[in-house]
Amino acid sequence: MAEAAGHDAVIVGSGAAGGLAAALLSEAGMRVLVLDAGYRKSLWRAPVQRSIAIAVAAIADPRLLKVLPYGLVWRGEKALRMLGRTRQPVQSRCYAWLTAPELFVDDIDNPYEIENGQPFNWIRARGLGGRMVVPVHGRQYLRHGHRDFRPVDDLAPPWPFEPDALDPWYALVEQRLRLTGGREGSVWVPDSELAEERAPDAAETELIAQVRARYPSITPLLGRFAPPLPALDQAAATGRLHLRTGAIASHVELDEAGRAAAVVFYDVATSSWRRARAPRILLGASTLESTRILLASQSDRTPGGIGARSGALGRFLMDHVSIKAEGIGGAIDTDSRAGEVGRCVYLPRFEARHDARVGEGRGFGMRIYRSPGPGGTSYFTAIADAEMLPRAENCAVLSDRRDAWGMPVLRITASHSSAEIALAKEQAAALHELATLLGVNISNISSGSGTPGAAIHECGTARMGDDPTRSVLDPFNQAWDAPGVYVIDGAAFPSEGIQNPTLTIMALTARACDAIVRGR
């Protein structure tokens, strides 16, 4: 097996976590190798998928709406989704698939199993930048608050550090992102370090005034957003980054002392197995991918995988319970930047709109997106995100089935609890209530509690903690069982909160990288 050595750290994945880790470690003087699984199939190897991608690029062009009837464009998009199911039956369910189908995995080559017919939508993007570079990715960066890190209801474990321990790392990440948004002093979502503090435009001002007048206990926030961080470019500028694409990680190897030694991966370009050696290995391949790698990292020391002895590896899978409503409203007065990806109004803990005391427990937040439409109308989209609690029965294990490269795939078990199903009904009712307030006619709304995984905010399965008998990672994201192995993506979360997890993933990554540089 060919080997690559001479690196101080190997990072698996180049998304929000992996890219940031590459930049921070290389800037600190380390020689870094990034392994990214993304690769572009040639037309002759994937004629259907590549042809679909070319057609999607044409039919999804928003300029077509100026020359073709919307109904015709919509029917074209629907036909392409149907065709996309031949190789991407799961990925084509994602709202963002039409924007860049080639960024998403081929489900035939990359299968997974579900348990007892319980559906789970595992949406996977492979390519430099990960999900962050999908054109319509939400790009919301919201901090977790004190009660997210210290739940008061005992339904989730506390995070293994003081609630303000991430503040300097949040600030570091926010400064690098150059966030745009507002400072509202919310008790639920702490303010961020902003590069641009913007005022709401006329349409946002009207929406915020209507919400405040109807629900005095709610503090509307301007969504905090930024374009994807060019972290790999920043890492490359140091001259200490080595990048390999088409590198599909299989498992981690440990040395005789049980410390990180190497990552074994399949190299698509050479159709061969390779080994990348380094004393520090950071897994940022996305929640379930990183856990798959840990599960497959079996040896005499770790017979069930790295972290299995805790009983927590593969368990406590979470994803937001997201209910989405779309509709048509009246004309709105907005500025020229209204179409910016990520621009929205966010209503934290909207379940407390009638009684602020309700907000002491679990609840949901709401993202509201509005844009001008034709003929004095506007488009309305609102998404209510509720927390899926960490339950041991929601889990992922290795299956006997193999993928296209001979690696064992995951079998995923996930379902919503009765409390989550009941809360989803409240979310739907709240969306109808808000639409009525704003004069919107809802044309489409999610049914039931949705399919786990569909929110694309999966977290857990390799959680951090302060007890190695109950957690996979220590408070600095390092595996208890394997010094030098770190998990820096959403797999580390003990609980999820209602905010988009990306900013907290990046803050944890920055904190872990600081610990590595300082030699903790």
Protein backbone atom coordinates (compact mmCIF):
# COMPACT_ATOMS: atom_id res chain seq x y z
CA MET A 1 0.00 0.00 0.00
CA ALA A 2 1.41 3.36 -1.03
CA GLU A 3 2.05 5.79 1.81
CA ALA A 4 2.11 9.56 2.23
CA ALA A 5 4.09 10.90 5.19
CA GLY A 6 5.81 14.05 6.33
CA HIS A 7 2.65 15.77 7.56
CA ASP A 8 1.91 17.15 11.01
CA ALA A 9 -1.82 16.64 10.62
CA VAL A 10 -4.23 14.85 8.28
CA ILE A 11 -7.71 16.35 7.96
CA VAL A 12 -10.55 14.32 6.48
CA GLY A 13 -13.09 16.61 4.81
CA SER A 14 -12.86 20.17 3.50
CA GLY A 15 -16.19 21.64 4.58
CA ALA A 16 -16.88 24.20 7.31
CA ALA A 17 -14.85 22.27 9.90
CA GLY A 18 -12.11 20.73 7.76
CA GLY A 19 -11.41 23.86 5.76
CA LEU A 20 -11.15 26.04 8.86
CA ALA A 21 -8.88 23.48 10.57
CA ALA A 22 -6.60 23.44 7.51
CA ALA A 23 -6.29 27.23 7.60
CA LEU A 24 -5.68 27.49 11.35
CA LEU A 25 -3.15 24.66 11.61
CA SER A 26 -1.19 25.66 8.50
CA GLU A 27 -1.10 29.27 9.66
CA ALA A 28 0.33 27.98 12.95
CA GLY A 29 3.22 26.41 11.03
CA MET A 30 1.99 22.84 10.62
CA ARG A 31 2.25 20.81 7.43
CA VAL A 32 -1.31 19.77 6.65
CA LEU A 33 -2.78 17.15 4.33
CA VAL A 34 -6.48 17.46 3.50
CA LEU A 35 -8.27 14.39 2.13
CA ASP A 36 -11.48 15.21 0.31
CA ALA A 37 -13.73 12.52 -1.16
CA GLY A 38 -15.11 14.69 -3.94
CA TYR A 39 -14.22 13.91 -7.52
CA ARG A 40 -15.72 14.65 -10.92
CA LYS A 41 -16.71 11.68 -13.04
CA SER A 42 -16.04 11.93 -16.75
CA LEU A 43 -18.97 11.97 -19.17
CA TRP A 44 -18.23 8.46 -20.42
CA ARG A 45 -18.10 7.08 -16.86
CA ALA A 46 -21.31 8.78 -15.73
CA PRO A 47 -23.29 9.77 -18.83
CA VAL A 48 -26.67 10.08 -17.07
CA GLN A 49 -25.45 12.07 -14.07
CA ARG A 50 -23.29 14.45 -16.11
CA SER A 51 -26.02 14.99 -18.71
CA ILE A 52 -28.51 15.78 -15.95
CA ALA A 53 -26.07 18.26 -14.44
CA ILE A 54 -25.67 20.04 -17.77
CA ALA A 55 -29.44 20.16 -18.27
CA VAL A 56 -30.04 21.36 -14.71
CA ALA A 57 -27.56 24.20 -15.17
CA ALA A 58 -29.63 25.37 -18.11
CA ILE A 59 -33.17 24.87 -16.81
CA ALA A 60 -32.40 26.19 -13.29
CA ASP A 61 -31.02 29.48 -14.65
CA PRO A 62 -33.26 32.17 -13.07
CA ARG A 63 -32.91 34.29 -16.21
CA LEU A 64 -35.23 31.82 -17.95
CA LEU A 65 -38.12 33.20 -15.91
CA LYS A 66 -37.80 36.40 -17.98
CA VAL A 67 -38.27 34.61 -21.31
CA LEU A 68 -40.24 31.45 -20.50
CA PRO A 69 -43.48 30.94 -18.55
CA TYR A 70 -42.79 29.91 -14.95
CA GLY A 71 -44.98 26.82 -15.38
CA LEU A 72 -42.80 25.58 -18.23
CA VAL A 73 -39.60 26.04 -16.21
CA TRP A 74 -41.20 24.33 -13.21
CA ARG A 75 -42.24 21.33 -15.33
CA GLY A 76 -38.70 21.11 -16.69
CA GLU A 77 -37.29 21.07 -13.16
CA LYS A 78 -39.78 18.39 -12.12
CA ALA A 79 -38.81 16.21 -15.08
CA LEU A 80 -35.11 16.56 -14.20
CA ARG A 81 -35.76 15.53 -10.60
CA MET A 82 -37.53 12.44 -11.88
CA LEU A 83 -34.57 11.62 -14.10
CA GLY A 84 -32.15 12.37 -11.27
CA ARG A 85 -33.64 9.54 -9.24
CA THR A 86 -31.89 7.01 -11.44
CA ARG A 87 -28.55 7.65 -9.70
CA GLN A 88 -29.50 10.03 -6.89
CA PRO A 89 -32.85 8.88 -5.49
CA VAL A 90 -32.05 10.32 -2.05
CA GLN A 91 -30.00 13.39 -3.00
CA SER A 92 -32.58 14.61 -5.52
CA ARG A 93 -35.06 15.02 -2.63
CA CYS A 94 -32.96 17.88 -1.29
CA TYR A 95 -34.29 21.37 -2.04
CA ALA A 96 -30.80 22.42 -3.16
CA TRP A 97 -30.11 19.48 -5.50
CA LEU A 98 -31.24 21.36 -8.60
CA THR A 99 -28.65 24.07 -8.03
CA ALA A 100 -25.64 21.74 -8.30
CA PRO A 101 -26.43 18.02 -8.66
CA GLU A 102 -22.77 17.14 -9.20
CA LEU A 103 -21.91 18.29 -5.69
CA PHE A 104 -24.09 15.54 -4.24
CA VAL A 105 -23.09 11.89 -3.97
CA ASP A 106 -24.16 9.12 -6.30
CA ASP A 107 -26.55 7.09 -4.13
CA ILE A 108 -25.93 3.90 -6.09
CA ASP A 109 -22.19 4.02 -5.40
CA ASN A 110 -22.72 5.32 -1.86
CA PRO A 111 -25.67 3.40 -0.40
CA TYR A 112 -26.85 3.16 3.18
CA GLU A 113 -29.53 1.13 4.89
CA ILE A 114 -32.46 2.09 7.10
CA GLU A 115 -33.83 0.05 9.98
CA ASN A 116 -37.38 -1.34 10.12
CA GLY A 117 -38.58 0.81 7.25
CA GLN A 118 -38.01 4.03 9.21
CA PRO A 119 -36.97 6.59 6.56
CA PHE A 120 -33.88 8.76 6.88
CA ASN A 121 -32.70 11.21 4.23
CA TRP A 122 -28.91 11.28 4.31
CA ILE A 123 -28.01 14.26 2.13
CA ARG A 124 -24.30 14.25 1.29
CA ALA A 125 -22.25 16.78 -0.63
CA ARG A 126 -18.73 15.87 -1.74
CA GLY A 127 -16.38 18.48 -3.09
CA LEU A 128 -14.07 21.23 -1.90
CA GLY A 129 -15.99 23.30 0.62
CA GLY A 130 -18.61 20.63 1.32
CA ARG A 131 -22.20 21.72 1.81
CA MET A 132 -21.10 25.30 2.35
CA VAL A 133 -20.54 25.83 -1.38
CA VAL A 134 -23.95 24.53 -2.45
CA PRO A 135 -25.33 27.71 -4.09
CA VAL A 136 -28.50 28.05 -1.97
CA HIS A 137 -27.08 26.81 1.33
CA GLY A 138 -28.74 28.78 4.15
CA ARG A 139 -25.47 30.31 5.43
CA GLN A 140 -26.99 31.18 8.81
CA TYR A 141 -24.42 31.59 11.59
CA LEU A 142 -26.09 31.78 15.01
CA ARG A 143 -24.48 31.26 18.39
CA HIS A 144 -25.76 28.78 20.93
CA GLY A 145 -26.91 30.38 24.17
CA HIS A 146 -26.32 29.56 27.83
CA ARG A 147 -29.36 27.27 28.04
CA ASP A 148 -28.26 25.34 24.95
CA PHE A 149 -25.03 24.39 26.71
CA ARG A 150 -26.72 23.87 30.08
CA PRO A 151 -30.20 22.36 29.44
CA VAL A 152 -32.47 22.86 32.44
CA ASP A 153 -34.82 19.95 31.81
CA ASP A 154 -32.39 16.98 32.02
CA LEU A 155 -33.51 15.78 28.57
CA ALA A 156 -29.97 16.25 27.22
CA PRO A 157 -26.57 16.22 28.93
CA PRO A 158 -24.71 19.47 29.63
CA TRP A 159 -21.82 20.30 27.33
CA PRO A 160 -18.43 19.58 28.95
CA PHE A 161 -17.33 23.19 29.42
CA GLU A 162 -18.63 26.43 30.86
CA PRO A 163 -21.31 28.14 28.71
CA ASP A 164 -19.02 31.07 27.91
CA ALA A 165 -16.00 28.89 26.99
CA LEU A 166 -16.74 29.18 23.26
CA ASP A 167 -17.13 32.97 23.25
CA PRO A 168 -13.56 33.77 22.06
CA TRP A 169 -13.77 31.03 19.42
CA TYR A 170 -17.15 32.25 18.20
CA ALA A 171 -15.59 35.70 17.87
CA LEU A 172 -12.56 34.36 15.98
CA VAL A 173 -14.74 32.51 13.48
CA GLU A 174 -17.17 35.41 13.05
CA GLN A 175 -14.30 37.78 12.33
CA ARG A 176 -12.94 35.45 9.66
CA LEU A 177 -16.39 35.00 8.13
CA ARG A 178 -17.08 38.76 8.15
CA LEU A 179 -20.67 38.30 9.19
CA THR A 180 -23.50 40.61 8.19
CA GLY A 181 -26.48 41.02 10.50
CA GLY A 182 -27.84 42.91 13.48
CA ARG A 183 -27.30 43.24 17.23
CA GLU A 184 -30.59 42.72 19.05
CA GLY A 185 -29.56 41.50 22.51
CA SER A 186 -31.67 38.34 22.35
CA VAL A 187 -31.71 36.23 25.51
CA TRP A 188 -31.78 33.10 23.33
CA VAL A 189 -29.22 33.88 20.61
CA PRO A 190 -26.22 35.91 21.83
CA ASP A 191 -24.98 38.74 19.62
CA SER A 192 -22.12 38.06 17.22
CA GLU A 193 -19.02 39.94 16.10
CA LEU A 194 -20.17 41.59 12.88
CA ALA A 195 -18.17 43.00 9.99
CA GLU A 196 -21.29 44.84 8.84
CA GLU A 197 -24.14 45.77 11.15
CA ARG A 198 -26.95 46.46 8.76
CA ALA A 199 -30.34 48.05 9.24
CA PRO A 200 -33.47 46.26 8.04
CA ASP A 201 -34.84 47.35 4.69
CA ALA A 202 -38.42 48.55 4.30
CA ALA A 203 -39.91 45.07 3.93
CA GLU A 204 -37.98 43.71 6.91
CA THR A 205 -38.90 46.75 8.98
CA GLU A 206 -42.58 46.20 8.23
CA LEU A 207 -42.34 42.48 9.06
CA ILE A 208 -40.49 43.13 12.33
CA ALA A 209 -43.04 45.80 13.34
CA GLN A 210 -45.95 43.43 12.66
CA VAL A 211 -44.34 40.66 14.71
CA ARG A 212 -43.51 42.95 17.63
CA ALA A 213 -46.99 44.43 17.69
CA ARG A 214 -48.65 41.01 17.69
CA TYR A 215 -46.10 39.19 19.87
CA PRO A 216 -44.41 41.60 22.34
CA SER A 217 -42.37 38.80 23.95
CA ILE A 218 -40.60 37.92 20.67
CA THR A 219 -37.34 39.65 19.65
CA PRO A 220 -36.95 39.38 15.86
CA LEU A 221 -33.37 39.11 14.63
CA LEU A 222 -31.86 39.96 11.28
CA GLY A 223 -30.34 36.76 9.94
CA ARG A 224 -26.55 36.60 10.37
CA PHE A 225 -24.99 35.40 7.16
CA ALA A 226 -21.82 35.38 5.09
CA PRO A 227 -20.55 33.82 1.87
CA PRO A 228 -18.50 30.60 2.21
CA LEU A 229 -15.18 31.10 3.96
CA PRO A 230 -12.26 30.68 1.51
CA ALA A 231 -10.42 28.62 4.12
CA LEU A 232 -8.58 26.32 1.73
CA ASP A 233 -7.25 29.32 -0.18
CA GLN A 234 -6.04 30.76 3.11
CA ALA A 235 -4.36 27.46 3.98
CA ALA A 236 -2.78 27.20 0.53
CA ALA A 237 -1.33 30.70 0.88
CA THR A 238 0.90 29.45 3.70
CA GLY A 239 2.63 26.97 1.39
CA ARG A 240 2.03 24.23 3.96
CA LEU A 241 -1.17 22.70 2.55
CA HIS A 242 -1.24 19.46 0.58
CA LEU A 243 -4.66 18.60 -0.87
CA ARG A 244 -5.90 15.32 -2.32
CA THR A 245 -9.32 15.05 -3.92
CA GLY A 246 -11.02 11.77 -4.75
CA ALA A 247 -9.66 10.42 -1.44
CA ILE A 248 -12.38 8.35 0.23
CA ALA A 249 -11.40 7.67 3.84
CA SER A 250 -11.92 4.16 5.16
CA HIS A 251 -10.55 4.05 8.71
CA VAL A 252 -7.97 5.36 11.16
CA GLU A 253 -4.97 3.33 12.26
CA LEU A 254 -3.34 3.67 15.69
CA ASP A 255 0.26 2.98 16.69
CA GLU A 256 1.38 0.50 19.34
CA ALA A 257 0.74 3.05 22.07
CA GLY A 258 -2.84 3.57 20.86
CA ARG A 259 -2.21 7.02 19.41
CA ALA A 260 -3.17 8.40 15.99
CA ALA A 261 -0.94 7.01 13.26
CA ALA A 262 -2.60 7.07 9.81
CA VAL A 263 -5.73 7.33 7.70
CA VAL A 264 -6.33 4.61 5.13
CA PHE A 265 -8.17 5.84 2.04
CA TYR A 266 -9.14 4.81 -1.47
CA ASP A 267 -7.57 6.97 -4.17
CA VAL A 268 -10.03 7.27 -7.03
CA ALA A 269 -7.43 8.70 -9.44
CA THR A 270 -5.19 5.63 -9.19
CA SER A 271 -7.86 3.07 -8.21
CA SER A 272 -5.68 2.03 -5.29
CA TRP A 273 -5.58 2.00 -1.50
CA ARG A 274 -3.25 4.46 0.18
CA ARG A 275 -2.19 5.39 3.70
CA ALA A 276 -1.57 8.92 4.98
CA ARG A 277 0.55 9.09 8.14
CA ALA A 278 0.48 11.86 10.76
CA PRO A 279 0.46 12.12 14.56
CA ARG A 280 -2.75 14.16 14.46
CA ILE A 281 -5.88 13.14 12.57
CA LEU A 282 -8.92 15.40 12.40
CA LEU A 283 -12.22 13.99 11.15
CA GLY A 284 -14.46 16.63 9.62
CA ALA A 285 -16.12 14.50 6.95
CA SER A 286 -19.66 15.38 8.21
CA THR A 287 -21.49 13.87 11.16
CA LEU A 288 -22.32 10.40 9.90
CA GLU A 289 -19.27 10.03 7.66
CA SER A 290 -16.92 10.76 10.56
CA THR A 291 -18.78 8.27 12.72
CA ARG A 292 -18.59 5.66 9.96
CA ILE A 293 -14.82 6.10 9.93
CA LEU A 294 -14.65 5.70 13.72
CA LEU A 295 -16.84 2.57 13.61
CA ALA A 296 -14.61 1.06 10.91
CA SER A 297 -11.42 1.85 12.87
CA GLN A 298 -11.31 -1.54 14.57
CA SER A 299 -8.25 -3.17 16.12
CA ASP A 300 -7.31 -5.22 19.16
CA ARG A 301 -7.37 -2.00 21.17
CA THR A 302 -10.65 -0.79 19.68
CA PRO A 303 -12.62 -3.92 18.66
CA GLY A 304 -15.87 -2.01 18.11
CA GLY A 305 -14.24 1.08 16.65
CA ILE A 306 -12.65 4.14 18.23
CA GLY A 307 -14.93 5.26 21.05
CA ALA A 308 -17.10 2.14 21.11
CA ARG A 309 -16.27 1.24 24.71
CA SER A 310 -18.21 4.33 25.85
CA GLY A 311 -21.46 2.92 24.53
CA ALA A 312 -22.07 6.29 22.86
CA LEU A 313 -20.41 5.71 19.46
CA GLY A 314 -23.06 5.78 16.75
CA ARG A 315 -25.81 6.70 19.23
CA PHE A 316 -27.81 9.85 19.96
CA LEU A 317 -28.31 10.86 16.32
CA MET A 318 -30.18 14.15 15.96
CA ASP A 319 -31.51 16.40 13.21
CA HIS A 320 -33.79 19.40 13.40
CA VAL A 321 -37.51 18.81 13.08
CA SER A 322 -38.08 21.32 10.30
CA ILE A 323 -41.50 22.37 9.04
CA LYS A 324 -41.54 24.51 5.91
CA ALA A 325 -44.30 26.70 4.49
CA GLU A 326 -44.35 28.49 1.14
CA GLY A 327 -46.85 30.96 -0.22
CA ILE A 328 -47.68 34.19 -2.02
CA GLY A 329 -48.17 37.55 -0.33
CA GLY A 330 -48.67 41.14 -1.36
CA ALA A 331 -46.09 43.52 -2.76
CA ILE A 332 -43.12 44.31 -0.56
CA ASP A 333 -40.69 47.22 -0.62
CA THR A 334 -37.15 45.87 -0.50
CA ASP A 335 -33.66 46.96 -1.49
CA SER A 336 -31.37 45.69 -4.22
CA ARG A 337 -29.76 43.09 -1.94
CA ALA A 338 -32.97 41.26 -1.10
CA GLY A 339 -31.86 38.22 -3.06
CA GLU A 340 -28.69 37.67 -1.01
CA VAL A 341 -28.39 34.04 0.06
CA GLY A 342 -28.92 33.83 3.81
CA ARG A 343 -30.79 37.10 4.19
CA CYS A 344 -33.82 36.52 6.41
CA VAL A 345 -35.59 37.51 9.62
CA TYR A 346 -35.18 35.03 12.45
CA LEU A 347 -37.66 34.59 15.31
CA PRO A 348 -36.04 32.67 18.18
CA ARG A 349 -38.22 30.54 20.46
CA PHE A 350 -41.41 31.41 18.61
CA GLU A 351 -43.37 28.90 20.70
CA ALA A 352 -43.20 31.50 23.51
CA ARG A 353 -45.00 34.16 21.47
CA HIS A 354 -48.14 34.04 23.64
CA ASP A 355 -46.50 33.23 26.98
CA ALA A 356 -42.83 33.99 27.61
CA ARG A 357 -42.71 31.38 30.37
CA VAL A 358 -43.15 28.64 27.78
CA GLY A 359 -39.69 29.45 26.47
CA GLU A 360 -38.04 27.96 29.56
CA GLY A 361 -38.35 24.48 27.98
CA ARG A 362 -37.82 23.16 24.46
CA GLY A 363 -39.25 24.97 21.47
CA PHE A 364 -38.55 26.19 17.97
CA GLY A 365 -37.19 29.11 16.01
CA MET A 366 -38.43 30.43 12.69
CA ARG A 367 -36.59 31.72 9.60
CA ILE A 368 -38.60 33.98 7.28
CA TYR A 369 -37.52 34.65 3.70
CA ARG A 370 -39.40 37.07 1.42
CA SER A 371 -38.63 38.27 -2.08
CA PRO A 372 -40.49 40.31 -4.71
CA GLY A 373 -42.71 38.45 -7.14
CA PRO A 374 -44.43 39.42 -10.39
CA GLY A 375 -47.48 41.62 -10.61
CA GLY A 376 -47.43 43.20 -7.16
CA THR A 377 -46.85 39.93 -5.29
CA SER A 378 -44.09 38.49 -3.14
CA TYR A 379 -42.75 35.02 -2.44
CA PHE A 380 -42.84 33.80 1.15
CA THR A 381 -40.89 30.93 2.68
CA ALA A 382 -40.75 30.24 6.41
CA ILE A 383 -39.04 27.35 8.16
CA ALA A 384 -39.61 26.39 11.79
CA ASP A 385 -36.72 24.42 13.31
CA ALA A 386 -37.24 22.42 16.51
CA GLU A 387 -34.76 20.38 18.47
CA MET A 388 -34.59 16.60 18.10
CA LEU A 389 -33.51 15.30 21.49
CA PRO A 390 -30.57 12.89 21.85
CA ARG A 391 -32.02 9.39 22.28
CA ALA A 392 -29.84 6.28 22.27
CA GLU A 393 -32.20 4.37 19.97
CA ASN A 394 -31.53 6.87 17.16
CA CYS A 395 -28.26 5.45 15.94
CA ALA A 396 -25.95 4.29 13.15
CA VAL A 397 -24.05 0.99 12.95
CA LEU A 398 -21.97 -0.73 10.29
CA SER A 399 -23.84 -2.98 7.89
CA ASP A 400 -22.64 -6.08 6.07
CA ARG A 401 -23.40 -4.26 2.82
CA ARG A 402 -20.50 -2.62 0.95
CA ASP A 403 -20.22 0.50 -1.16
CA ALA A 404 -18.64 0.76 -4.61
CA TRP A 405 -15.14 0.69 -3.07
CA GLY A 406 -15.74 -2.26 -0.75
CA MET A 407 -16.22 -0.28 2.47
CA PRO A 408 -19.01 -1.24 4.90
CA VAL A 409 -21.94 1.17 4.79
CA LEU A 410 -24.09 2.50 7.60
CA ARG A 411 -27.42 1.18 8.77
CA ILE A 412 -29.32 4.11 10.25
CA THR A 413 -32.19 3.98 12.72
CA ALA A 414 -33.99 7.27 13.33
CA SER A 415 -37.50 8.30 14.29
CA HIS A 416 -39.22 11.21 15.96
CA SER A 417 -40.60 10.87 19.47
CA SER A 418 -44.23 11.53 20.32
CA ALA A 419 -43.19 14.87 21.85
CA GLU A 420 -41.40 15.88 18.63
CA ILE A 421 -44.40 14.88 16.54
CA ALA A 422 -46.66 16.95 18.78
CA LEU A 423 -44.31 19.93 18.59
CA ALA A 424 -44.29 19.65 14.78
CA LYS A 425 -48.06 20.24 14.85
CA GLU A 426 -47.44 23.38 16.89
CA GLN A 427 -44.82 24.49 14.38
CA ALA A 428 -47.27 24.06 11.50
CA ALA A 429 -49.97 25.97 13.39
CA ALA A 430 -47.50 28.78 14.11
CA LEU A 431 -46.58 29.00 10.42
CA HIS A 432 -50.26 29.34 9.47
CA GLU A 433 -50.68 31.96 12.19
CA LEU A 434 -47.71 33.97 10.97
CA ALA A 435 -48.83 33.74 7.33
CA THR A 436 -52.24 35.13 8.30
CA LEU A 437 -50.59 38.01 10.14
CA LEU A 438 -48.48 38.85 7.06
CA GLY A 439 -51.31 38.44 4.56
CA VAL A 440 -49.78 35.37 2.90
CA ASN A 441 -51.71 32.58 1.23
CA ILE A 442 -49.86 29.33 1.94
CA SER A 443 -49.57 27.12 -1.13
CA ASN A 444 -47.47 24.35 0.40
CA ILE A 445 -46.56 23.21 3.91
CA SER A 446 -44.74 20.18 5.31
CA SER A 447 -46.88 17.32 6.54
CA GLY A 448 -46.34 15.62 9.88
CA SER A 449 -42.91 15.93 11.49
CA GLY A 450 -41.03 15.31 8.25
CA THR A 451 -38.32 12.74 7.58
CA PRO A 452 -35.30 12.66 9.90
CA GLY A 453 -32.24 13.89 8.01
CA ALA A 454 -34.23 16.12 5.69
CA ALA A 455 -33.25 19.28 7.59
CA ILE A 456 -29.60 18.46 6.72
CA HIS A 457 -28.51 19.49 10.23
CA GLU A 458 -27.61 16.03 11.54
CA CYS A 459 -25.54 16.00 14.72
CA GLY A 460 -24.44 13.60 17.44
CA THR A 461 -23.21 9.95 17.21
CA ALA A 462 -19.72 10.73 18.61
CA ARG A 463 -20.55 13.16 21.36
CA MET A 464 -18.14 15.00 23.62
CA GLY A 465 -18.33 14.85 27.41
CA ASP A 466 -16.37 14.83 30.65
CA ASP A 467 -16.72 11.08 31.29
CA PRO A 468 -15.01 8.55 28.96
CA THR A 469 -17.53 5.87 29.96
CA ARG A 470 -20.39 7.95 28.51
CA SER A 471 -18.83 9.98 25.69
CA VAL A 472 -16.59 9.41 22.68
CA LEU A 473 -14.66 12.70 22.84
CA ASP A 474 -13.13 14.79 25.58
CA PRO A 475 -14.00 18.49 26.05
CA PHE A 476 -11.51 19.45 23.31
CA ASN A 477 -12.93 17.07 20.64
CA GLN A 478 -10.17 14.47 21.10
CA ALA A 479 -11.10 10.78 21.27
CA TRP A 480 -10.71 9.41 24.79
CA ASP A 481 -9.60 6.06 23.32
CA ALA A 482 -7.11 7.43 20.78
CA PRO A 483 -4.98 10.47 21.60
CA GLY A 484 -4.31 12.49 18.48
CA VAL A 485 -7.66 11.62 16.86
CA TYR A 486 -10.13 14.52 16.81
CA VAL A 487 -13.71 14.78 15.56
CA ILE A 488 -14.49 18.38 14.62
CA ASP A 489 -17.88 18.26 12.90
CA GLY A 490 -21.45 17.93 14.21
CA ALA A 491 -20.86 14.38 15.41
CA ALA A 492 -19.37 15.93 18.59
CA PHE A 493 -22.61 17.62 19.69
CA PRO A 494 -24.20 16.33 22.95
CA SER A 495 -27.40 18.20 22.04
CA GLU A 496 -28.45 20.37 19.12
CA GLY A 497 -30.38 23.46 20.15
CA ILE A 498 -32.65 25.10 17.59
CA GLN A 499 -29.98 27.15 15.78
CA ASN A 500 -28.18 26.17 12.60
CA PRO A 501 -25.18 24.17 13.94
CA THR A 502 -22.51 25.49 11.54
CA LEU A 503 -21.16 28.37 13.65
CA THR A 504 -20.84 26.15 16.73
CA ILE A 505 -19.10 23.45 14.66
CA MET A 506 -16.58 26.03 13.50
CA ALA A 507 -16.07 27.46 17.00
CA LEU A 508 -15.41 23.95 18.36
CA THR A 509 -12.95 23.40 15.50
CA ALA A 510 -11.07 26.60 16.31
CA ARG A 511 -10.89 25.62 19.98
CA ALA A 512 -9.64 22.11 19.14
CA CYS A 513 -6.99 23.50 16.77
CA ASP A 514 -5.77 25.86 19.49
CA ALA A 515 -5.45 22.89 21.84
CA ILE A 516 -3.45 20.99 19.18
CA VAL A 517 -1.10 23.91 18.59
CA ARG A 518 -0.59 24.36 22.32
CA GLY A 519 0.11 20.66 22.70
CA ARG A 520 -2.75 19.78 25.02
